[in-house]
Amino acid sequence: MPNLSVKLDEATRNRLLAVAADQGITPHAFMVKAIGAELAQAEAEAAFVARALAARAQVIATGQVIDGSAFADYLRCRVRGHPAPRPSAEAIAECVETRA
């Protein structure tokens, strides 16, 4: 496995040593765990942004959206365990006119 060197100031190094000792793991294991968690978070955020951009592109391409109030009502019913039909997409112009 390749090495990667990390330079830490003394205060951060001391914090690392103390926290790793409290968790009963080595400073190396703590850093590997922390880097893994941060990478997972960054990847999750990137995936979220990608889904949002794809949804935006779909709205632009189709001009179809689901009314937010209707979808909120649908979710409230579902959370309460009641059956509810999922709102259908409609032209964005219709949705905007309804709310104006």
PDB file of N, CA and C in Angstrom:
ATOM      1  N   MET A   1       0.853  -1.170   0.000  1.00  0.00           N
ATOM      2  CA  MET A   1       0.000   0.000   0.000  1.00  0.00           C
ATOM      3  C   MET A   1       0.900   1.234   0.000  1.00  0.00           C
ATOM      4  N   PRO A   2       0.626   2.195  -0.899  1.00  0.00           N
ATOM      5  CA  PRO A   2       1.462   3.390  -0.952  1.00  0.00           C
ATOM      6  C   PRO A   2       1.307   4.254   0.293  1.00  0.00           C
ATOM      7  N   ASN A   3       2.357   4.979   0.608  1.00  0.00           N
ATOM      8  CA  ASN A   3       2.353   5.892   1.746  1.00  0.00           C
ATOM      9  C   ASN A   3       1.893   7.265   1.319  1.00  0.00           C
ATOM     10  N   LEU A   4       1.289   7.977   2.259  1.00  0.00           N
ATOM     11  CA  LEU A   4       0.932   9.367   2.059  1.00  0.00           C
ATOM     12  C   LEU A   4       1.255  10.078   3.360  1.00  0.00           C
ATOM     13  N   SER A   5       2.039  11.092   3.275  1.00  0.00           N
ATOM     14  CA  SER A   5       2.489  11.810   4.469  1.00  0.00           C
ATOM     15  C   SER A   5       1.573  13.002   4.724  1.00  0.00           C
ATOM     16  N   VAL A   6       1.247  13.226   5.989  1.00  0.00           N
ATOM     17  CA  VAL A   6       0.411  14.361   6.384  1.00  0.00           C
ATOM     18  C   VAL A   6       1.171  15.145   7.449  1.00  0.00           C
ATOM     19  N   LYS A   7       1.332  16.426   7.225  1.00  0.00           N
ATOM     20  CA  LYS A   7       2.011  17.275   8.202  1.00  0.00           C
ATOM     21  C   LYS A   7       0.939  17.941   9.067  1.00  0.00           C
ATOM     22  N   LEU A   8       1.077  17.780  10.379  1.00  0.00           N
ATOM     23  CA  LEU A   8       0.132  18.353  11.333  1.00  0.00           C
ATOM     24  C   LEU A   8       0.868  19.271  12.289  1.00  0.00           C
ATOM     25  N   ASP A   9       0.202  20.352  12.669  1.00  0.00           N
ATOM     26  CA  ASP A   9       0.805  21.188  13.707  1.00  0.00           C
ATOM     27  C   ASP A   9       0.743  20.412  15.029  1.00  0.00           C
ATOM     28  N   GLU A  10       1.513  20.852  15.992  1.00  0.00           N
ATOM     29  CA  GLU A  10       1.650  20.114  17.255  1.00  0.00           C
ATOM     30  C   GLU A  10       0.313  19.971  17.983  1.00  0.00           C
ATOM     31  N   ALA A  11      -0.490  21.026  17.989  1.00  0.00           N
ATOM     32  CA  ALA A  11      -1.777  20.978  18.695  1.00  0.00           C
ATOM     33  C   ALA A  11      -2.709  19.932  18.053  1.00  0.00           C
ATOM     34  N   THR A  12      -2.755  19.914  16.741  1.00  0.00           N
ATOM     35  CA  THR A  12      -3.610  18.941  16.047  1.00  0.00           C
ATOM     36  C   THR A  12      -3.094  17.530  16.272  1.00  0.00           C
ATOM     37  N   ARG A  13      -1.776  17.363  16.228  1.00  0.00           N
ATOM     38  CA  ARG A  13      -1.186  16.046  16.472  1.00  0.00           C
ATOM     39  C   ARG A  13      -1.542  15.551  17.868  1.00  0.00           C
ATOM     40  N   ASN A  14      -1.450  16.434  18.857  1.00  0.00           N
ATOM     41  CA  ASN A  14      -1.781  16.040  20.230  1.00  0.00           C
ATOM     42  C   ASN A  14      -3.257  15.675  20.367  1.00  0.00           C
ATOM     43  N   ARG A  15      -4.125  16.432  19.693  1.00  0.00           N
ATOM     44  CA  ARG A  15      -5.555  16.100  19.704  1.00  0.00           C
ATOM     45  C   ARG A  15      -5.794  14.744  19.062  1.00  0.00           C
ATOM     46  N   LEU A  16      -5.130  14.491  17.937  1.00  0.00           N
ATOM     47  CA  LEU A  16      -5.248  13.209  17.240  1.00  0.00           C
ATOM     48  C   LEU A  16      -4.832  12.064  18.154  1.00  0.00           C
ATOM     49  N   LEU A  17      -3.695  12.204  18.792  1.00  0.00           N
ATOM     50  CA  LEU A  17      -3.203  11.154  19.684  1.00  0.00           C
ATOM     51  C   LEU A  17      -4.177  10.898  20.828  1.00  0.00           C
ATOM     52  N   ALA A  18      -4.724  11.972  21.402  1.00  0.00           N
ATOM     53  CA  ALA A  18      -5.640  11.825  22.534  1.00  0.00           C
ATOM     54  C   ALA A  18      -6.949  11.159  22.111  1.00  0.00           C
ATOM     55  N   VAL A  19      -7.521  11.591  21.006  1.00  0.00           N
ATOM     56  CA  VAL A  19      -8.799  11.027  20.555  1.00  0.00           C
ATOM     57  C   VAL A  19      -8.621   9.578  20.125  1.00  0.00           C
ATOM     58  N   ALA A  20      -7.556   9.292  19.414  1.00  0.00           N
ATOM     59  CA  ALA A  20      -7.299   7.909  19.000  1.00  0.00           C
ATOM     60  C   ALA A  20      -7.138   7.012  20.221  1.00  0.00           C
ATOM     61  N   ALA A  21      -6.409   7.484  21.215  1.00  0.00           N
ATOM     62  CA  ALA A  21      -6.220   6.697  22.443  1.00  0.00           C
ATOM     63  C   ALA A  21      -7.558   6.489  23.154  1.00  0.00           C
ATOM     64  N   ASP A  22      -8.390   7.521  23.204  1.00  0.00           N
ATOM     65  CA  ASP A  22      -9.710   7.398  23.830  1.00  0.00           C
ATOM     66  C   ASP A  22     -10.568   6.352  23.126  1.00  0.00           C
ATOM     67  N   GLN A  23     -10.400   6.244  21.812  1.00  0.00           N
ATOM     68  CA  GLN A  23     -11.178   5.270  21.040  1.00  0.00           C
ATOM     69  C   GLN A  23     -10.512   3.899  20.995  1.00  0.00           C
ATOM     70  N   GLY A  24      -9.325   3.804  21.537  1.00  0.00           N
ATOM     71  CA  GLY A  24      -8.622   2.530  21.564  1.00  0.00           C
ATOM     72  C   GLY A  24      -8.093   2.087  20.209  1.00  0.00           C
ATOM     73  N   ILE A  25      -7.786   3.069  19.362  1.00  0.00           N
ATOM     74  CA  ILE A  25      -7.235   2.754  18.044  1.00  0.00           C
ATOM     75  C   ILE A  25      -5.959   3.562  17.839  1.00  0.00           C
ATOM     76  N   THR A  26      -5.220   3.211  16.822  1.00  0.00           N
ATOM     77  CA  THR A  26      -3.988   3.940  16.523  1.00  0.00           C
ATOM     78  C   THR A  26      -4.322   5.250  15.823  1.00  0.00           C
ATOM     79  N   PRO A  27      -3.406   6.215  15.901  1.00  0.00           N
ATOM     80  CA  PRO A  27      -3.633   7.456  15.158  1.00  0.00           C
ATOM     81  C   PRO A  27      -3.815   7.192  13.649  1.00  0.00           C
ATOM     82  N   HIS A  28      -3.070   6.236  13.119  1.00  0.00           N
ATOM     83  CA  HIS A  28      -3.204   5.881  11.712  1.00  0.00           C
ATOM     84  C   HIS A  28      -4.619   5.390  11.418  1.00  0.00           C
ATOM     85  N   ALA A  29      -5.133   4.484  12.247  1.00  0.00           N
ATOM     86  CA  ALA A  29      -6.484   3.955  12.034  1.00  0.00           C
ATOM     87  C   ALA A  29      -7.519   5.072  12.130  1.00  0.00           C
ATOM     88  N   PHE A  30      -7.314   5.995  13.065  1.00  0.00           N
ATOM     89  CA  PHE A  30      -8.238   7.117  13.201  1.00  0.00           C
ATOM     90  C   PHE A  30      -8.239   7.971  11.931  1.00  0.00           C
ATOM     91  N   MET A  31      -7.038   8.250  11.408  1.00  0.00           N
ATOM     92  CA  MET A  31      -6.952   9.076  10.204  1.00  0.00           C
ATOM     93  C   MET A  31      -7.580   8.372   9.006  1.00  0.00           C
ATOM     94  N   VAL A  32      -7.352   7.060   8.875  1.00  0.00           N
ATOM     95  CA  VAL A  32      -7.953   6.307   7.770  1.00  0.00           C
ATOM     96  C   VAL A  32      -9.473   6.365   7.870  1.00  0.00           C
ATOM     97  N   LYS A  33      -9.989   6.183   9.096  1.00  0.00           N
ATOM     98  CA  LYS A  33     -11.428   6.235   9.330  1.00  0.00           C
ATOM     99  C   LYS A  33     -11.981   7.630   9.005  1.00  0.00           C
ATOM    100  N   ALA A  34     -11.294   8.669   9.458  1.00  0.00           N
ATOM    101  CA  ALA A  34     -11.744  10.043   9.224  1.00  0.00           C
ATOM    102  C   ALA A  34     -11.724  10.390   7.739  1.00  0.00           C
ATOM    103  N   ILE A  35     -10.682   9.986   7.048  1.00  0.00           N
ATOM    104  CA  ILE A  35     -10.594  10.256   5.609  1.00  0.00           C
ATOM    105  C   ILE A  35     -11.701   9.507   4.878  1.00  0.00           C
ATOM    106  N   GLY A  36     -11.953   8.260   5.260  1.00  0.00           N
ATOM    107  CA  GLY A  36     -13.028   7.488   4.642  1.00  0.00           C
ATOM    108  C   GLY A  36     -14.379   8.145   4.833  1.00  0.00           C
ATOM    109  N   ALA A  37     -14.645   8.643   6.041  1.00  0.00           N
ATOM    110  CA  ALA A  37     -15.920   9.309   6.324  1.00  0.00           C
ATOM    111  C   ALA A  37     -16.060  10.592   5.505  1.00  0.00           C
ATOM    112  N   GLU A  38     -14.989  11.347   5.410  1.00  0.00           N
ATOM    113  CA  GLU A  38     -15.031  12.594   4.646  1.00  0.00           C
ATOM    114  C   GLU A  38     -15.210  12.327   3.156  1.00  0.00           C
ATOM    115  N   LEU A  39     -14.542  11.290   2.649  1.00  0.00           N
ATOM    116  CA  LEU A  39     -14.719  10.920   1.245  1.00  0.00           C
ATOM    117  C   LEU A  39     -16.153  10.486   0.967  1.00  0.00           C
ATOM    118  N   ALA A  40     -16.734   9.693   1.856  1.00  0.00           N
ATOM    119  CA  ALA A  40     -18.123   9.247   1.685  1.00  0.00           C
ATOM    120  C   ALA A  40     -19.065  10.444   1.659  1.00  0.00           C
ATOM    121  N   GLN A  41     -18.831  11.413   2.540  1.00  0.00           N
ATOM    122  CA  GLN A  41     -19.666  12.612   2.578  1.00  0.00           C
ATOM    123  C   GLN A  41     -19.532  13.413   1.284  1.00  0.00           C
ATOM    124  N   ALA A  42     -18.317  13.591   0.817  1.00  0.00           N
ATOM    125  CA  ALA A  42     -18.086  14.345  -0.422  1.00  0.00           C
ATOM    126  C   ALA A  42     -18.731  13.639  -1.610  1.00  0.00           C
ATOM    127  N   GLU A  43     -18.637  12.320  -1.660  1.00  0.00           N
ATOM    128  CA  GLU A  43     -19.255  11.559  -2.754  1.00  0.00           C
ATOM    129  C   GLU A  43     -20.776  11.635  -2.688  1.00  0.00           C
ATOM    130  N   ALA A  44     -21.342  11.585  -1.479  1.00  0.00           N
ATOM    131  CA  ALA A  44     -22.795  11.695  -1.321  1.00  0.00           C
ATOM    132  C   ALA A  44     -23.277  13.070  -1.777  1.00  0.00           C
ATOM    133  N   GLU A  45     -22.543  14.117  -1.418  1.00  0.00           N
ATOM    134  CA  GLU A  45     -22.907  15.467  -1.852  1.00  0.00           C
ATOM    135  C   GLU A  45     -22.824  15.597  -3.363  1.00  0.00           C
ATOM    136  N   ALA A  46     -21.791  15.026  -3.966  1.00  0.00           N
ATOM    137  CA  ALA A  46     -21.644  15.086  -5.421  1.00  0.00           C
ATOM    138  C   ALA A  46     -22.778  14.333  -6.105  1.00  0.00           C
ATOM    139  N   ALA A  47     -23.183  13.191  -5.558  1.00  0.00           N
ATOM    140  CA  ALA A  47     -24.291  12.425  -6.130  1.00  0.00           C
ATOM    141  C   ALA A  47     -25.596  13.204  -6.004  1.00  0.00           C
ATOM    142  N   PHE A  48     -25.795  13.885  -4.865  1.00  0.00           N
ATOM    143  CA  PHE A  48     -26.994  14.697  -4.662  1.00  0.00           C
ATOM    144  C   PHE A  48     -27.059  15.822  -5.693  1.00  0.00           C
ATOM    145  N   VAL A  49     -25.946  16.506  -5.883  1.00  0.00           N
ATOM    146  CA  VAL A  49     -25.896  17.594  -6.866  1.00  0.00           C
ATOM    147  C   VAL A  49     -26.152  17.048  -8.269  1.00  0.00           C
ATOM    148  N   ALA A  50     -25.588  15.896  -8.593  1.00  0.00           N
ATOM    149  CA  ALA A  50     -25.800  15.302  -9.914  1.00  0.00           C
ATOM    150  C   ALA A  50     -27.278  14.975 -10.134  1.00  0.00           C
ATOM    151  N   ARG A  51     -27.950  14.415  -9.088  1.00  0.00           N
ATOM    152  CA  ARG A  51     -29.388  14.127  -9.208  1.00  0.00           C
ATOM    153  C   ARG A  51     -30.193  15.410  -9.377  1.00  0.00           C
ATOM    154  N   ALA A  52     -29.822  16.448  -8.640  1.00  0.00           N
ATOM    155  CA  ALA A  52     -30.529  17.726  -8.748  1.00  0.00           C
ATOM    156  C   ALA A  52     -30.360  18.322 -10.142  1.00  0.00           C
ATOM    157  N   LEU A  53     -29.148  18.267 -10.678  1.00  0.00           N
ATOM    158  CA  LEU A  53     -28.917  18.801 -12.024  1.00  0.00           C
ATOM    159  C   LEU A  53     -29.659  17.990 -13.084  1.00  0.00           C
ATOM    160  N   ALA A  54     -29.737  16.671 -12.890  1.00  0.00           N
ATOM    161  CA  ALA A  54     -30.490  15.826 -13.831  1.00  0.00           C
ATOM    162  C   ALA A  54     -31.975  16.160 -13.766  1.00  0.00           C
ATOM    163  N   ALA A  55     -32.487  16.375 -12.562  1.00  0.00           N
ATOM    164  CA  ALA A  55     -33.898  16.744 -12.413  1.00  0.00           C
ATOM    165  C   ALA A  55     -34.160  18.096 -13.066  1.00  0.00           C
ATOM    166  N   ARG A  56     -33.254  19.027 -12.881  1.00  0.00           N
ATOM    167  CA  ARG A  56     -33.396  20.345 -13.509  1.00  0.00           C
ATOM    168  C   ARG A  56     -33.398  20.221 -15.026  1.00  0.00           C
ATOM    169  N   ALA A  57     -32.491  19.412 -15.543  1.00  0.00           N
ATOM    170  CA  ALA A  57     -32.424  19.209 -16.993  1.00  0.00           C
ATOM    171  C   ALA A  57     -33.719  18.580 -17.512  1.00  0.00           C
ATOM    172  N   GLN A  58     -34.293  17.671 -16.735  1.00  0.00           N
ATOM    173  CA  GLN A  58     -35.545  17.039 -17.144  1.00  0.00           C
ATOM    174  C   GLN A  58     -36.683  18.067 -17.170  1.00  0.00           C
ATOM    175  N   VAL A  59     -36.725  18.940 -16.183  1.00  0.00           N
ATOM    176  CA  VAL A  59     -37.755  19.986 -16.169  1.00  0.00           C
ATOM    177  C   VAL A  59     -37.583  20.899 -17.376  1.00  0.00           C
ATOM    178  N   ILE A  60     -36.360  21.275 -17.653  1.00  0.00           N
ATOM    179  CA  ILE A  60     -36.095  22.144 -18.807  1.00  0.00           C
ATOM    180  C   ILE A  60     -36.497  21.444 -20.097  1.00  0.00           C
ATOM    181  N   ALA A  61     -36.168  20.167 -20.221  1.00  0.00           N
ATOM    182  CA  ALA A  61     -36.459  19.427 -21.452  1.00  0.00           C
ATOM    183  C   ALA A  61     -37.948  19.173 -21.649  1.00  0.00           C
ATOM    184  N   THR A  62     -38.659  18.865 -20.559  1.00  0.00           N
ATOM    185  CA  THR A  62     -40.066  18.481 -20.691  1.00  0.00           C
ATOM    186  C   THR A  62     -41.043  19.591 -20.347  1.00  0.00           C
ATOM    187  N   GLY A  63     -40.613  20.550 -19.530  1.00  0.00           N
ATOM    188  CA  GLY A  63     -41.520  21.591 -19.076  1.00  0.00           C
ATOM    189  C   GLY A  63     -42.542  21.075 -18.076  1.00  0.00           C
ATOM    190  N   GLN A  64     -42.323  19.859 -17.556  1.00  0.00           N
ATOM    191  CA  GLN A  64     -43.261  19.228 -16.637  1.00  0.00           C
ATOM    192  C   GLN A  64     -42.713  19.254 -15.207  1.00  0.00           C
ATOM    193  N   VAL A  65     -43.605  19.595 -14.250  1.00  0.00           N
ATOM    194  CA  VAL A  65     -43.252  19.611 -12.834  1.00  0.00           C
ATOM    195  C   VAL A  65     -44.415  19.051 -12.025  1.00  0.00           C
ATOM    196  N   ILE A  66     -44.145  18.730 -10.777  1.00  0.00           N
ATOM    197  CA  ILE A  66     -45.202  18.330  -9.851  1.00  0.00           C
ATOM    198  C   ILE A  66     -45.379  19.473  -8.877  1.00  0.00           C
ATOM    199  N   ASP A  67     -46.615  19.921  -8.708  1.00  0.00           N
ATOM    200  CA  ASP A  67     -46.923  21.018  -7.811  1.00  0.00           C
ATOM    201  C   ASP A  67     -46.462  20.674  -6.398  1.00  0.00           C
ATOM    202  N   GLY A  68     -45.735  21.584  -5.779  1.00  0.00           N
ATOM    203  CA  GLY A  68     -45.179  21.344  -4.449  1.00  0.00           C
ATOM    204  C   GLY A  68     -46.235  21.128  -3.384  1.00  0.00           C
ATOM    205  N   SER A  69     -47.310  21.911  -3.400  1.00  0.00           N
ATOM    206  CA  SER A  69     -48.372  21.757  -2.403  1.00  0.00           C
ATOM    207  C   SER A  69     -49.074  20.416  -2.557  1.00  0.00           C
ATOM    208  N   ALA A  70     -49.338  20.032  -3.797  1.00  0.00           N
ATOM    209  CA  ALA A  70     -49.994  18.742  -4.046  1.00  0.00           C
ATOM    210  C   ALA A  70     -49.094  17.597  -3.594  1.00  0.00           C
ATOM    211  N   PHE A  71     -47.801  17.725  -3.828  1.00  0.00           N
ATOM    212  CA  PHE A  71     -46.885  16.661  -3.419  1.00  0.00           C
ATOM    213  C   PHE A  71     -46.773  16.600  -1.899  1.00  0.00           C
ATOM    214  N   ALA A  72     -46.793  17.768  -1.239  1.00  0.00           N
ATOM    215  CA  ALA A  72     -46.746  17.799   0.229  1.00  0.00           C
ATOM    216  C   ALA A  72     -47.988  17.125   0.807  1.00  0.00           C
ATOM    217  N   ASP A  73     -49.161  17.377   0.216  1.00  0.00           N
ATOM    218  CA  ASP A  73     -50.398  16.719   0.658  1.00  0.00           C
ATOM    219  C   ASP A  73     -50.287  15.205   0.487  1.00  0.00           C
ATOM    220  N   TYR A  74     -49.747  14.784  -0.646  1.00  0.00           N
ATOM    221  CA  TYR A  74     -49.550  13.361  -0.928  1.00  0.00           C
ATOM    222  C   TYR A  74     -48.642  12.726   0.138  1.00  0.00           C
ATOM    223  N   LEU A  75     -47.542  13.399   0.450  1.00  0.00           N
ATOM    224  CA  LEU A  75     -46.616  12.867   1.454  1.00  0.00           C
ATOM    225  C   LEU A  75     -47.265  12.795   2.837  1.00  0.00           C
ATOM    226  N   ARG A  76     -48.041  13.811   3.193  1.00  0.00           N
ATOM    227  CA  ARG A  76     -48.736  13.787   4.488  1.00  0.00           C
ATOM    228  C   ARG A  76     -49.658  12.568   4.587  1.00  0.00           C
ATOM    229  N   CYS A  77     -50.403  12.306   3.534  1.00  0.00           N
ATOM    230  CA  CYS A  77     -51.296  11.135   3.527  1.00  0.00           C
ATOM    231  C   CYS A  77     -50.499   9.850   3.683  1.00  0.00           C
ATOM    232  N   ARG A  78     -49.417   9.724   2.940  1.00  0.00           N
ATOM    233  CA  ARG A  78     -48.609   8.501   2.972  1.00  0.00           C
ATOM    234  C   ARG A  78     -47.978   8.289   4.343  1.00  0.00           C
ATOM    235  N   VAL A  79     -47.497   9.362   4.952  1.00  0.00           N
ATOM    236  CA  VAL A  79     -46.881   9.252   6.270  1.00  0.00           C
ATOM    237  C   VAL A  79     -47.900   8.787   7.300  1.00  0.00           C
ATOM    238  N   ARG A  80     -49.127   9.217   7.134  1.00  0.00           N
ATOM    239  CA  ARG A  80     -50.197   8.823   8.063  1.00  0.00           C
ATOM    240  C   ARG A  80     -50.756   7.438   7.759  1.00  0.00           C
ATOM    241  N   GLY A  81     -50.221   6.807   6.703  1.00  0.00           N
ATOM    242  CA  GLY A  81     -50.649   5.460   6.365  1.00  0.00           C
ATOM    243  C   GLY A  81     -51.877   5.390   5.486  1.00  0.00           C
ATOM    244  N   HIS A  82     -52.292   6.522   4.940  1.00  0.00           N
ATOM    245  CA  HIS A  82     -53.457   6.550   4.065  1.00  0.00           C
ATOM    246  C   HIS A  82     -53.029   6.397   2.614  1.00  0.00           C
ATOM    247  N   PRO A  83     -53.781   5.644   1.831  1.00  0.00           N
ATOM    248  CA  PRO A  83     -53.447   5.554   0.408  1.00  0.00           C
ATOM    249  C   PRO A  83     -53.745   6.900  -0.266  1.00  0.00           C
ATOM    250  N   ALA A  84     -52.911   7.238  -1.192  1.00  0.00           N
ATOM    251  CA  ALA A  84     -53.104   8.493  -1.925  1.00  0.00           C
ATOM    252  C   ALA A  84     -52.465   8.355  -3.292  1.00  0.00           C
ATOM    253  N   PRO A  85     -53.151   8.846  -4.315  1.00  0.00           N
ATOM    254  CA  PRO A  85     -52.529   8.803  -5.646  1.00  0.00           C
ATOM    255  C   PRO A  85     -51.414   9.847  -5.733  1.00  0.00           C
ATOM    256  N   ARG A  86     -50.323   9.448  -6.320  1.00  0.00           N
ATOM    257  CA  ARG A  86     -49.202  10.378  -6.495  1.00  0.00           C
ATOM    258  C   ARG A  86     -49.627  11.449  -7.501  1.00  0.00           C
ATOM    259  N   PRO A  87     -49.367  12.716  -7.181  1.00  0.00           N
ATOM    260  CA  PRO A  87     -49.744  13.776  -8.132  1.00  0.00           C
ATOM    261  C   PRO A  87     -49.012  13.596  -9.455  1.00  0.00           C
ATOM    262  N   SER A  88     -49.695  13.914 -10.522  1.00  0.00           N
ATOM    263  CA  SER A  88     -49.069  13.777 -11.833  1.00  0.00           C
ATOM    264  C   SER A  88     -48.386  15.084 -12.220  1.00  0.00           C
ATOM    265  N   ALA A  89     -47.444  14.955 -13.122  1.00  0.00           N
ATOM    266  CA  ALA A  89     -46.714  16.127 -13.602  1.00  0.00           C
ATOM    267  C   ALA A  89     -47.639  16.965 -14.472  1.00  0.00           C
ATOM    268  N   GLU A  90     -47.400  18.248 -14.440  1.00  0.00           N
ATOM    269  CA  GLU A  90     -48.178  19.165 -15.268  1.00  0.00           C
ATOM    270  C   GLU A  90     -47.230  20.195 -15.855  1.00  0.00           C
ATOM    271  N   ALA A  91     -47.711  20.908 -16.839  1.00  0.00           N
ATOM    272  CA  ALA A  91     -46.886  21.932 -17.469  1.00  0.00           C
ATOM    273  C   ALA A  91     -46.519  22.978 -16.433  1.00  0.00           C
ATOM    274  N   ILE A  92     -45.288  23.416 -16.446  1.00  0.00           N
ATOM    275  CA  ILE A  92     -44.823  24.378 -15.452  1.00  0.00           C
ATOM    276  C   ILE A  92     -45.649  25.651 -15.511  1.00  0.00           C
ATOM    277  N   ALA A  93     -46.082  26.054 -16.681  1.00  0.00           N
ATOM    278  CA  ALA A  93     -46.895  27.272 -16.813  1.00  0.00           C
ATOM    279  C   ALA A  93     -48.201  27.127 -16.045  1.00  0.00           C
ATOM    280  N   GLU A  94     -48.827  25.951 -16.094  1.00  0.00           N
ATOM    281  CA  GLU A  94     -50.069  25.711 -15.358  1.00  0.00           C
ATOM    282  C   GLU A  94     -49.826  25.783 -13.850  1.00  0.00           C
ATOM    283  N   CYS A  95     -48.741  25.232 -13.415  1.00  0.00           N
ATOM    284  CA  CYS A  95     -48.411  25.215 -11.991  1.00  0.00           C
ATOM    285  C   CYS A  95     -48.165  26.645 -11.499  1.00  0.00           C
ATOM    286  N   VAL A  96     -47.476  27.448 -12.270  1.00  0.00           N
ATOM    287  CA  VAL A  96     -47.183  28.816 -11.890  1.00  0.00           C
ATOM    288  C   VAL A  96     -48.460  29.648 -11.896  1.00  0.00           C
ATOM    289  N   GLU A  97     -49.323  29.448 -12.885  1.00  0.00           N
ATOM    290  CA  GLU A  97     -50.581  30.203 -12.958  1.00  0.00           C
ATOM    291  C   GLU A  97     -51.465  29.891 -11.768  1.00  0.00           C
ATOM    292  N   THR A  98     -51.493  28.639 -11.321  1.00  0.00           N
ATOM    293  CA  THR A  98     -52.313  28.224 -10.202  1.00  0.00           C
ATOM    294  C   THR A  98     -51.885  28.926  -8.921  1.00  0.00           C
ATOM    295  N   ARG A  99     -50.599  29.147  -8.770  1.00  0.00           N
ATOM    296  CA  ARG A  99     -50.059  29.710  -7.525  1.00  0.00           C
ATOM    297  C   ARG A  99     -50.052  31.242  -7.559  1.00  0.00           C
ATOM    298  N   ALA A 100     -50.205  31.843  -8.714  1.00  0.00           N
ATOM    299  CA  ALA A 100     -50.112  33.305  -8.807  1.00  0.00           C
ATOM    300  C   ALA A 100     -51.364  33.984  -8.298  1.00  0.00           C
TER     301      ALA A 100
END
